[in-house]
Amino acid sequence: MARKIQEAGLEDRVRIVGYRSDVERWVRAVDFVVLPSLFEGFGRALLEALACGKPVVASRVGGFAEGRGAGRRPPGALGRPLHRGCRRGRHGPGTIGNA
């Protein structure tokens, strides 16, 4: 992941921070939340993001897609919208578009 961020020239916009106890502070500071998990029990991170009013892009795990009415996309289909969102900065949910 770190290599992909560097290759895209996004080091100044994307950070991998690992475990944090001050979750709300970090979620409020981001433009959107990405959860590319292959397996996820409940998806608590997604609920925290939604509680803070952040747009979420997630793989189909933990029942989240069914609950949100999300559509299916090919695995690589999110790359371009996420890259565009990172480049544009803070513009709310419209930044990512209909990924």
PDB file of N, CA and C in Angstrom:
ATOM      1  N   MET A   1       0.831  -1.166   0.000  1.00  0.00           N
ATOM      2  CA  MET A   1       0.000   0.000   0.000  1.00  0.00           C
ATOM      3  C   MET A   1       0.892   1.252   0.000  1.00  0.00           C
ATOM      4  N   ALA A   2       1.901   1.267   0.851  1.00  0.00           N
ATOM      5  CA  ALA A   2       2.783   2.435   0.923  1.00  0.00           C
ATOM      6  C   ALA A   2       3.476   2.686  -0.416  1.00  0.00           C
ATOM      7  N   ARG A   3       3.869   1.614  -1.087  1.00  0.00           N
ATOM      8  CA  ARG A   3       4.524   1.750  -2.391  1.00  0.00           C
ATOM      9  C   ARG A   3       3.561   2.352  -3.415  1.00  0.00           C
ATOM     10  N   LYS A   4       2.317   1.904  -3.411  1.00  0.00           N
ATOM     11  CA  LYS A   4       1.311   2.432  -4.346  1.00  0.00           C
ATOM     12  C   LYS A   4       1.058   3.922  -4.096  1.00  0.00           C
ATOM     13  N   ILE A   5       1.020   4.309  -2.834  1.00  0.00           N
ATOM     14  CA  ILE A   5       0.827   5.721  -2.484  1.00  0.00           C
ATOM     15  C   ILE A   5       1.981   6.552  -3.033  1.00  0.00           C
ATOM     16  N   GLN A   6       3.205   6.042  -2.850  1.00  0.00           N
ATOM     17  CA  GLN A   6       4.383   6.750  -3.342  1.00  0.00           C
ATOM     18  C   GLN A   6       4.390   6.819  -4.868  1.00  0.00           C
ATOM     19  N   GLU A   7       4.067   5.710  -5.531  1.00  0.00           N
ATOM     20  CA  GLU A   7       4.038   5.687  -6.996  1.00  0.00           C
ATOM     21  C   GLU A   7       3.033   6.692  -7.559  1.00  0.00           C
ATOM     22  N   ALA A   8       1.939   6.897  -6.843  1.00  0.00           N
ATOM     23  CA  ALA A   8       0.910   7.839  -7.293  1.00  0.00           C
ATOM     24  C   ALA A   8       1.235   9.276  -6.907  1.00  0.00           C
ATOM     25  N   GLY A   9       2.329   9.484  -6.169  1.00  0.00           N
ATOM     26  CA  GLY A   9       2.706  10.830  -5.749  1.00  0.00           C
ATOM     27  C   GLY A   9       1.755  11.427  -4.729  1.00  0.00           C
ATOM     28  N   LEU A  10       1.206  10.586  -3.862  1.00  0.00           N
ATOM     29  CA  LEU A  10       0.202  11.047  -2.902  1.00  0.00           C
ATOM     30  C   LEU A  10       0.693  11.052  -1.452  1.00  0.00           C
ATOM     31  N   GLU A  11       1.993  10.997  -1.256  1.00  0.00           N
ATOM     32  CA  GLU A  11       2.519  10.946   0.115  1.00  0.00           C
ATOM     33  C   GLU A  11       2.071  12.120   0.972  1.00  0.00           C
ATOM     34  N   ASP A  12       1.851  13.274   0.355  1.00  0.00           N
ATOM     35  CA  ASP A  12       1.447  14.447   1.126  1.00  0.00           C
ATOM     36  C   ASP A  12      -0.050  14.435   1.445  1.00  0.00           C
ATOM     37  N   ARG A  13      -0.816  13.497   0.855  1.00  0.00           N
ATOM     38  CA  ARG A  13      -2.265  13.458   1.063  1.00  0.00           C
ATOM     39  C   ARG A  13      -2.770  12.172   1.707  1.00  0.00           C
ATOM     40  N   VAL A  14      -1.996  11.094   1.638  1.00  0.00           N
ATOM     41  CA  VAL A  14      -2.441   9.801   2.156  1.00  0.00           C
ATOM     42  C   VAL A  14      -1.472   9.324   3.224  1.00  0.00           C
ATOM     43  N   ARG A  15      -2.009   8.924   4.352  1.00  0.00           N
ATOM     44  CA  ARG A  15      -1.180   8.409   5.448  1.00  0.00           C
ATOM     45  C   ARG A  15      -1.720   7.074   5.923  1.00  0.00           C
ATOM     46  N   ILE A  16      -0.813   6.180   6.238  1.00  0.00           N
ATOM     47  CA  ILE A  16      -1.176   4.920   6.877  1.00  0.00           C
ATOM     48  C   ILE A  16      -0.717   5.060   8.320  1.00  0.00           C
ATOM     49  N   VAL A  17      -1.669   5.119   9.240  1.00  0.00           N
ATOM     50  CA  VAL A  17      -1.311   5.429  10.623  1.00  0.00           C
ATOM     51  C   VAL A  17      -1.385   4.237  11.567  1.00  0.00           C
ATOM     52  N   GLY A  18      -1.975   3.124  11.153  1.00  0.00           N
ATOM     53  CA  GLY A  18      -2.078   1.971  12.043  1.00  0.00           C
ATOM     54  C   GLY A  18      -3.070   2.210  13.169  1.00  0.00           C
ATOM     55  N   TYR A  19      -2.955   1.421  14.235  1.00  0.00           N
ATOM     56  CA  TYR A  19      -3.900   1.505  15.351  1.00  0.00           C
ATOM     57  C   TYR A  19      -3.806   2.856  16.049  1.00  0.00           C
ATOM     58  N   ARG A  20      -4.958   3.440  16.343  1.00  0.00           N
ATOM     59  CA  ARG A  20      -5.035   4.697  17.092  1.00  0.00           C
ATOM     60  C   ARG A  20      -6.159   4.588  18.107  1.00  0.00           C
ATOM     61  N   SER A  21      -5.962   5.152  19.278  1.00  0.00           N
ATOM     62  CA  SER A  21      -7.030   5.157  20.284  1.00  0.00           C
ATOM     63  C   SER A  21      -7.933   6.382  20.134  1.00  0.00           C
ATOM     64  N   ASP A  22      -7.454   7.418  19.459  1.00  0.00           N
ATOM     65  CA  ASP A  22      -8.224   8.652  19.268  1.00  0.00           C
ATOM     66  C   ASP A  22      -8.910   8.654  17.896  1.00  0.00           C
ATOM     67  N   VAL A  23      -9.749   7.652  17.678  1.00  0.00           N
ATOM     68  CA  VAL A  23     -10.372   7.414  16.377  1.00  0.00           C
ATOM     69  C   VAL A  23     -11.161   8.615  15.868  1.00  0.00           C
ATOM     70  N   GLU A  24     -12.006   9.192  16.691  1.00  0.00           N
ATOM     71  CA  GLU A  24     -12.859  10.288  16.224  1.00  0.00           C
ATOM     72  C   GLU A  24     -12.026  11.444  15.677  1.00  0.00           C
ATOM     73  N   ARG A  25     -10.959  11.786  16.343  1.00  0.00           N
ATOM     74  CA  ARG A  25     -10.084  12.876  15.880  1.00  0.00           C
ATOM     75  C   ARG A  25      -9.560  12.591  14.476  1.00  0.00           C
ATOM     76  N   TRP A  26      -9.114  11.380  14.240  1.00  0.00           N
ATOM     77  CA  TRP A  26      -8.555  11.018  12.943  1.00  0.00           C
ATOM     78  C   TRP A  26      -9.628  10.944  11.862  1.00  0.00           C
ATOM     79  N   VAL A  27     -10.774  10.372  12.192  1.00  0.00           N
ATOM     80  CA  VAL A  27     -11.842  10.268  11.191  1.00  0.00           C
ATOM     81  C   VAL A  27     -12.330  11.651  10.791  1.00  0.00           C
ATOM     82  N   ARG A  28     -12.464  12.547  11.736  1.00  0.00           N
ATOM     83  CA  ARG A  28     -12.922  13.905  11.416  1.00  0.00           C
ATOM     84  C   ARG A  28     -11.913  14.654  10.536  1.00  0.00           C
ATOM     85  N   ALA A  29     -10.652  14.254  10.576  1.00  0.00           N
ATOM     86  CA  ALA A  29      -9.608  14.946   9.814  1.00  0.00           C
ATOM     87  C   ALA A  29      -9.490  14.468   8.363  1.00  0.00           C
ATOM     88  N   VAL A  30     -10.154  13.366   8.009  1.00  0.00           N
ATOM     89  CA  VAL A  30      -9.997  12.825   6.659  1.00  0.00           C
ATOM     90  C   VAL A  30     -11.105  13.298   5.721  1.00  0.00           C
ATOM     91  N   ASP A  31     -10.860  13.175   4.424  1.00  0.00           N
ATOM     92  CA  ASP A  31     -11.848  13.539   3.412  1.00  0.00           C
ATOM     93  C   ASP A  31     -12.823  12.396   3.149  1.00  0.00           C
ATOM     94  N   PHE A  32     -12.331  11.163   3.167  1.00  0.00           N
ATOM     95  CA  PHE A  32     -13.173   9.985   3.008  1.00  0.00           C
ATOM     96  C   PHE A  32     -12.450   8.790   3.608  1.00  0.00           C
ATOM     97  N   VAL A  33     -13.193   7.710   3.841  1.00  0.00           N
ATOM     98  CA  VAL A  33     -12.643   6.513   4.478  1.00  0.00           C
ATOM     99  C   VAL A  33     -12.705   5.356   3.490  1.00  0.00           C
ATOM    100  N   VAL A  34     -11.612   4.603   3.404  1.00  0.00           N
ATOM    101  CA  VAL A  34     -11.528   3.441   2.526  1.00  0.00           C
ATOM    102  C   VAL A  34     -11.291   2.209   3.381  1.00  0.00           C
ATOM    103  N   LEU A  35     -12.097   1.173   3.150  1.00  0.00           N
ATOM    104  CA  LEU A  35     -11.913  -0.099   3.848  1.00  0.00           C
ATOM    105  C   LEU A  35     -11.850  -1.205   2.795  1.00  0.00           C
ATOM    106  N   PRO A  36     -10.631  -1.544   2.337  1.00  0.00           N
ATOM    107  CA  PRO A  36     -10.493  -2.539   1.276  1.00  0.00           C
ATOM    108  C   PRO A  36     -10.338  -3.966   1.797  1.00  0.00           C
ATOM    109  N   SER A  37     -10.929  -4.275   2.939  1.00  0.00           N
ATOM    110  CA  SER A  37     -10.765  -5.583   3.575  1.00  0.00           C
ATOM    111  C   SER A  37     -11.293  -6.730   2.726  1.00  0.00           C
ATOM    112  N   LEU A  38     -10.613  -7.868   2.841  1.00  0.00           N
ATOM    113  CA  LEU A  38     -11.128  -9.094   2.251  1.00  0.00           C
ATOM    114  C   LEU A  38     -12.103  -9.763   3.214  1.00  0.00           C
ATOM    115  N   PHE A  39     -11.850  -9.613   4.514  1.00  0.00           N
ATOM    116  CA  PHE A  39     -12.704 -10.177   5.557  1.00  0.00           C
ATOM    117  C   PHE A  39     -12.898  -9.133   6.640  1.00  0.00           C
ATOM    118  N   GLU A  40     -14.110  -8.957   7.088  1.00  0.00           N
ATOM    119  CA  GLU A  40     -14.405  -7.976   8.136  1.00  0.00           C
ATOM    120  C   GLU A  40     -15.614  -8.492   8.902  1.00  0.00           C
ATOM    121  N   GLY A  41     -15.490  -8.577  10.218  1.00  0.00           N
ATOM    122  CA  GLY A  41     -16.591  -9.097  11.009  1.00  0.00           C
ATOM    123  C   GLY A  41     -17.811  -8.196  11.013  1.00  0.00           C
ATOM    124  N   PHE A  42     -17.661  -7.002  11.521  1.00  0.00           N
ATOM    125  CA  PHE A  42     -18.806  -6.118  11.689  1.00  0.00           C
ATOM    126  C   PHE A  42     -18.665  -4.814  10.926  1.00  0.00           C
ATOM    127  N   GLY A  43     -17.471  -4.358  10.680  1.00  0.00           N
ATOM    128  CA  GLY A  43     -17.275  -3.105   9.960  1.00  0.00           C
ATOM    129  C   GLY A  43     -17.443  -1.875  10.838  1.00  0.00           C
ATOM    130  N   ARG A  44     -16.965  -1.958  12.069  1.00  0.00           N
ATOM    131  CA  ARG A  44     -17.092  -0.841  13.003  1.00  0.00           C
ATOM    132  C   ARG A  44     -16.457   0.445  12.466  1.00  0.00           C
ATOM    133  N   ALA A  45     -15.338   0.310  11.779  1.00  0.00           N
ATOM    134  CA  ALA A  45     -14.667   1.494  11.225  1.00  0.00           C
ATOM    135  C   ALA A  45     -15.580   2.238  10.257  1.00  0.00           C
ATOM    136  N   LEU A  46     -16.381   1.498   9.520  1.00  0.00           N
ATOM    137  CA  LEU A  46     -17.315   2.130   8.583  1.00  0.00           C
ATOM    138  C   LEU A  46     -18.401   2.892   9.329  1.00  0.00           C
ATOM    139  N   LEU A  47     -18.902   2.312  10.390  1.00  0.00           N
ATOM    140  CA  LEU A  47     -19.922   2.994  11.191  1.00  0.00           C
ATOM    141  C   LEU A  47     -19.364   4.260  11.821  1.00  0.00           C
ATOM    142  N   GLU A  48     -18.119   4.200  12.286  1.00  0.00           N
ATOM    143  CA  GLU A  48     -17.483   5.388  12.866  1.00  0.00           C
ATOM    144  C   GLU A  48     -17.350   6.490  11.815  1.00  0.00           C
ATOM    145  N   ALA A  49     -16.982   6.111  10.602  1.00  0.00           N
ATOM    146  CA  ALA A  49     -16.850   7.096   9.527  1.00  0.00           C
ATOM    147  C   ALA A  49     -18.198   7.730   9.206  1.00  0.00           C
ATOM    148  N   LEU A  50     -19.226   6.924   9.092  1.00  0.00           N
ATOM    149  CA  LEU A  50     -20.562   7.447   8.795  1.00  0.00           C
ATOM    150  C   LEU A  50     -21.061   8.338   9.921  1.00  0.00           C
ATOM    151  N   ALA A  51     -20.758   7.971  11.168  1.00  0.00           N
ATOM    152  CA  ALA A  51     -21.172   8.787  12.315  1.00  0.00           C
ATOM    153  C   ALA A  51     -20.523  10.166  12.277  1.00  0.00           C
ATOM    154  N   CYS A  52     -19.350  10.253  11.658  1.00  0.00           N
ATOM    155  CA  CYS A  52     -18.656  11.536  11.523  1.00  0.00           C
ATOM    156  C   CYS A  52     -19.006  12.233  10.213  1.00  0.00           C
ATOM    157  N   GLY A  53     -19.947  11.671   9.450  1.00  0.00           N
ATOM    158  CA  GLY A  53     -20.386  12.300   8.208  1.00  0.00           C
ATOM    159  C   GLY A  53     -19.425  12.161   7.046  1.00  0.00           C
ATOM    160  N   LYS A  54     -18.587  11.141   7.067  1.00  0.00           N
ATOM    161  CA  LYS A  54     -17.600  10.959   5.999  1.00  0.00           C
ATOM    162  C   LYS A  54     -18.090   9.973   4.946  1.00  0.00           C
ATOM    163  N   PRO A  55     -17.788  10.232   3.669  1.00  0.00           N
ATOM    164  CA  PRO A  55     -18.106   9.243   2.643  1.00  0.00           C
ATOM    165  C   PRO A  55     -17.222   8.016   2.819  1.00  0.00           C
ATOM    166  N   VAL A  56     -17.756   6.859   2.461  1.00  0.00           N
ATOM    167  CA  VAL A  56     -17.053   5.599   2.659  1.00  0.00           C
ATOM    168  C   VAL A  56     -16.979   4.835   1.343  1.00  0.00           C
ATOM    169  N   VAL A  57     -15.807   4.275   1.072  1.00  0.00           N
ATOM    170  CA  VAL A  57     -15.620   3.350  -0.037  1.00  0.00           C
ATOM    171  C   VAL A  57     -15.133   2.059   0.594  1.00  0.00           C
ATOM    172  N   ALA A  58     -15.890   0.967   0.376  1.00  0.00           N
ATOM    173  CA  ALA A  58     -15.550  -0.286   1.049  1.00  0.00           C
ATOM    174  C   ALA A  58     -15.760  -1.476   0.132  1.00  0.00           C
ATOM    175  N   SER A  59     -14.990  -2.513   0.406  1.00  0.00           N
ATOM    176  CA  SER A  59     -15.236  -3.773  -0.280  1.00  0.00           C
ATOM    177  C   SER A  59     -16.499  -4.394   0.322  1.00  0.00           C
ATOM    178  N   ARG A  60     -17.030  -5.408  -0.322  1.00  0.00           N
ATOM    179  CA  ARG A  60     -18.280  -6.030   0.115  1.00  0.00           C
ATOM    180  C   ARG A  60     -17.998  -6.991   1.266  1.00  0.00           C
ATOM    181  N   VAL A  61     -17.876  -6.453   2.455  1.00  0.00           N
ATOM    182  CA  VAL A  61     -17.586  -7.272   3.632  1.00  0.00           C
ATOM    183  C   VAL A  61     -18.510  -6.906   4.786  1.00  0.00           C
ATOM    184  N   GLY A  62     -18.693  -7.823   5.695  1.00  0.00           N
ATOM    185  CA  GLY A  62     -19.395  -7.547   6.945  1.00  0.00           C
ATOM    186  C   GLY A  62     -20.832  -7.090   6.807  1.00  0.00           C
ATOM    187  N   GLY A  63     -21.499  -7.352   5.690  1.00  0.00           N
ATOM    188  CA  GLY A  63     -22.884  -6.950   5.520  1.00  0.00           C
ATOM    189  C   GLY A  63     -23.070  -5.474   5.236  1.00  0.00           C
ATOM    190  N   PHE A  64     -21.993  -4.725   5.135  1.00  0.00           N
ATOM    191  CA  PHE A  64     -22.094  -3.282   4.934  1.00  0.00           C
ATOM    192  C   PHE A  64     -22.759  -2.937   3.604  1.00  0.00           C
ATOM    193  N   ALA A  65     -22.368  -3.603   2.535  1.00  0.00           N
ATOM    194  CA  ALA A  65     -22.917  -3.283   1.211  1.00  0.00           C
ATOM    195  C   ALA A  65     -24.422  -3.500   1.165  1.00  0.00           C
ATOM    196  N   GLU A  66     -24.893  -4.579   1.770  1.00  0.00           N
ATOM    197  CA  GLU A  66     -26.322  -4.851   1.768  1.00  0.00           C
ATOM    198  C   GLU A  66     -27.082  -3.778   2.530  1.00  0.00           C
ATOM    199  N   GLY A  67     -26.533  -3.353   3.639  1.00  0.00           N
ATOM    200  CA  GLY A  67     -27.199  -2.350   4.459  1.00  0.00           C
ATOM    201  C   GLY A  67     -27.214  -0.971   3.838  1.00  0.00           C
ATOM    202  N   ARG A  68     -26.272  -0.684   2.982  1.00  0.00           N
ATOM    203  CA  ARG A  68     -26.163   0.643   2.371  1.00  0.00           C
ATOM    204  C   ARG A  68     -26.686   0.683   0.942  1.00  0.00           C
ATOM    205  N   GLY A  69     -27.111  -0.454   0.420  1.00  0.00           N
ATOM    206  CA  GLY A  69     -27.626  -0.472  -0.942  1.00  0.00           C
ATOM    207  C   GLY A  69     -26.562  -0.211  -1.990  1.00  0.00           C
ATOM    208  N   ALA A  70     -25.351  -0.619  -1.706  1.00  0.00           N
ATOM    209  CA  ALA A  70     -24.238  -0.363  -2.626  1.00  0.00           C
ATOM    210  C   ALA A  70     -24.324  -1.267  -3.847  1.00  0.00           C
ATOM    211  N   GLY A  71     -23.726  -0.822  -4.925  1.00  0.00           N
ATOM    212  CA  GLY A  71     -23.695  -1.616  -6.145  1.00  0.00           C
ATOM    213  C   GLY A  71     -22.393  -2.368  -6.273  1.00  0.00           C
ATOM    214  N   ARG A  72     -22.383  -3.327  -7.161  1.00  0.00           N
ATOM    215  CA  ARG A  72     -21.168  -4.103  -7.411  1.00  0.00           C
ATOM    216  C   ARG A  72     -20.307  -3.388  -8.439  1.00  0.00           C
ATOM    217  N   ARG A  73     -19.026  -3.444  -8.214  1.00  0.00           N
ATOM    218  CA  ARG A  73     -18.066  -2.894  -9.155  1.00  0.00           C
ATOM    219  C   ARG A  73     -16.918  -3.889  -9.283  1.00  0.00           C
ATOM    220  N   PRO A  74     -16.252  -3.934 -10.422  1.00  0.00           N
ATOM    221  CA  PRO A  74     -15.068  -4.789 -10.538  1.00  0.00           C
ATOM    222  C   PRO A  74     -14.021  -4.342  -9.518  1.00  0.00           C
ATOM    223  N   PRO A  75     -13.178  -5.277  -9.036  1.00  0.00           N
ATOM    224  CA  PRO A  75     -12.202  -4.936  -7.994  1.00  0.00           C
ATOM    225  C   PRO A  75     -11.343  -3.716  -8.291  1.00  0.00           C
ATOM    226  N   GLY A  76     -10.940  -3.493  -9.532  1.00  0.00           N
ATOM    227  CA  GLY A  76     -10.084  -2.357  -9.854  1.00  0.00           C
ATOM    228  C   GLY A  76     -10.819  -1.066 -10.161  1.00  0.00           C
ATOM    229  N   ALA A  77     -12.143  -1.078 -10.112  1.00  0.00           N
ATOM    230  CA  ALA A  77     -12.932   0.077 -10.546  1.00  0.00           C
ATOM    231  C   ALA A  77     -12.843   1.285  -9.621  1.00  0.00           C
ATOM    232  N   LEU A  78     -12.396   1.097  -8.400  1.00  0.00           N
ATOM    233  CA  LEU A  78     -12.364   2.208  -7.454  1.00  0.00           C
ATOM    234  C   LEU A  78     -11.088   3.026  -7.515  1.00  0.00           C
ATOM    235  N   GLY A  79     -10.071   2.504  -8.163  1.00  0.00           N
ATOM    236  CA  GLY A  79      -8.787   3.197  -8.192  1.00  0.00           C
ATOM    237  C   GLY A  79      -8.852   4.607  -8.739  1.00  0.00           C
ATOM    238  N   ARG A  80      -9.463   4.783  -9.895  1.00  0.00           N
ATOM    239  CA  ARG A  80      -9.520   6.105 -10.526  1.00  0.00           C
ATOM    240  C   ARG A  80     -10.315   7.106  -9.687  1.00  0.00           C
ATOM    241  N   PRO A  81     -11.531   6.763  -9.200  1.00  0.00           N
ATOM    242  CA  PRO A  81     -12.257   7.731  -8.368  1.00  0.00           C
ATOM    243  C   PRO A  81     -11.522   8.075  -7.075  1.00  0.00           C
ATOM    244  N   LEU A  82     -10.868   7.098  -6.463  1.00  0.00           N
ATOM    245  CA  LEU A  82     -10.128   7.389  -5.233  1.00  0.00           C
ATOM    246  C   LEU A  82      -8.941   8.294  -5.520  1.00  0.00           C
ATOM    247  N   HIS A  83      -8.243   8.028  -6.603  1.00  0.00           N
ATOM    248  CA  HIS A  83      -7.110   8.868  -6.979  1.00  0.00           C
ATOM    249  C   HIS A  83      -7.586  10.292  -7.246  1.00  0.00           C
ATOM    250  N   ARG A  84      -8.706  10.434  -7.961  1.00  0.00           N
ATOM    251  CA  ARG A  84      -9.273  11.755  -8.239  1.00  0.00           C
ATOM    252  C   ARG A  84      -9.645  12.455  -6.932  1.00  0.00           C
ATOM    253  N   GLY A  85     -10.248  11.711  -6.005  1.00  0.00           N
ATOM    254  CA  GLY A  85     -10.624  12.290  -4.722  1.00  0.00           C
ATOM    255  C   GLY A  85      -9.421  12.783  -3.945  1.00  0.00           C
ATOM    256  N   CYS A  86      -8.337  12.026  -3.968  1.00  0.00           N
ATOM    257  CA  CYS A  86      -7.120  12.446  -3.268  1.00  0.00           C
ATOM    258  C   CYS A  86      -6.520  13.689  -3.905  1.00  0.00           C
ATOM    259  N   ARG A  87      -6.550  13.769  -5.209  1.00  0.00           N
ATOM    260  CA  ARG A  87      -5.978  14.917  -5.907  1.00  0.00           C
ATOM    261  C   ARG A  87      -6.762  16.200  -5.661  1.00  0.00           C
ATOM    262  N   ARG A  88      -8.084  16.100  -5.578  1.00  0.00           N
ATOM    263  CA  ARG A  88      -8.927  17.289  -5.443  1.00  0.00           C
ATOM    264  C   ARG A  88      -8.958  17.850  -4.035  1.00  0.00           C
ATOM    265  N   GLY A  89      -8.738  17.025  -3.044  1.00  0.00           N
ATOM    266  CA  GLY A  89      -8.763  17.523  -1.671  1.00  0.00           C
ATOM    267  C   GLY A  89     -10.156  17.541  -1.082  1.00  0.00           C
ATOM    268  N   ARG A  90     -10.423  18.456  -0.194  1.00  0.00           N
ATOM    269  CA  ARG A  90     -11.659  18.476   0.590  1.00  0.00           C
ATOM    270  C   ARG A  90     -12.824  19.103  -0.170  1.00  0.00           C
ATOM    271  N   HIS A  91     -13.620  18.258  -0.789  1.00  0.00           N
ATOM    272  CA  HIS A  91     -14.816  18.740  -1.469  1.00  0.00           C
ATOM    273  C   HIS A  91     -16.038  17.908  -1.113  1.00  0.00           C
ATOM    274  N   GLY A  92     -15.992  17.153  -0.045  1.00  0.00           N
ATOM    275  CA  GLY A  92     -17.142  16.375   0.395  1.00  0.00           C
ATOM    276  C   GLY A  92     -17.386  15.134  -0.444  1.00  0.00           C
ATOM    277  N   PRO A  93     -18.557  14.524  -0.284  1.00  0.00           N
ATOM    278  CA  PRO A  93     -18.865  13.263  -0.958  1.00  0.00           C
ATOM    279  C   PRO A  93     -18.756  13.328  -2.474  1.00  0.00           C
ATOM    280  N   GLY A  94     -19.017  14.468  -3.088  1.00  0.00           N
ATOM    281  CA  GLY A  94     -18.918  14.590  -4.535  1.00  0.00           C
ATOM    282  C   GLY A  94     -17.509  14.443  -5.062  1.00  0.00           C
ATOM    283  N   THR A  95     -16.530  14.531  -4.199  1.00  0.00           N
ATOM    284  CA  THR A  95     -15.139  14.388  -4.599  1.00  0.00           C
ATOM    285  C   THR A  95     -14.894  13.043  -5.251  1.00  0.00           C
ATOM    286  N   ILE A  96     -15.487  12.012  -4.712  1.00  0.00           N
ATOM    287  CA  ILE A  96     -15.244  10.666  -5.202  1.00  0.00           C
ATOM    288  C   ILE A  96     -16.144  10.355  -6.388  1.00  0.00           C
ATOM    289  N   GLY A  97     -17.325  10.900  -6.393  1.00  0.00           N
ATOM    290  CA  GLY A  97     -18.263  10.617  -7.468  1.00  0.00           C
ATOM    291  C   GLY A  97     -18.953   9.292  -7.261  1.00  0.00           C
ATOM    292  N   ASN A  98     -19.606   8.819  -8.276  1.00  0.00           N
ATOM    293  CA  ASN A  98     -20.342   7.567  -8.196  1.00  0.00           C
ATOM    294  C   ASN A  98     -19.422   6.423  -8.563  1.00  0.00           C
ATOM    295  N   ALA A  99     -18.547   6.057  -7.640  1.00  0.00           N
ATOM    296  CA  ALA A  99     -17.585   4.991  -7.883  1.00  0.00           C
ATOM    297  C   ALA A  99     -18.302   3.679  -8.012  1.00  0.00           C
TER     298      ALA A  99
END
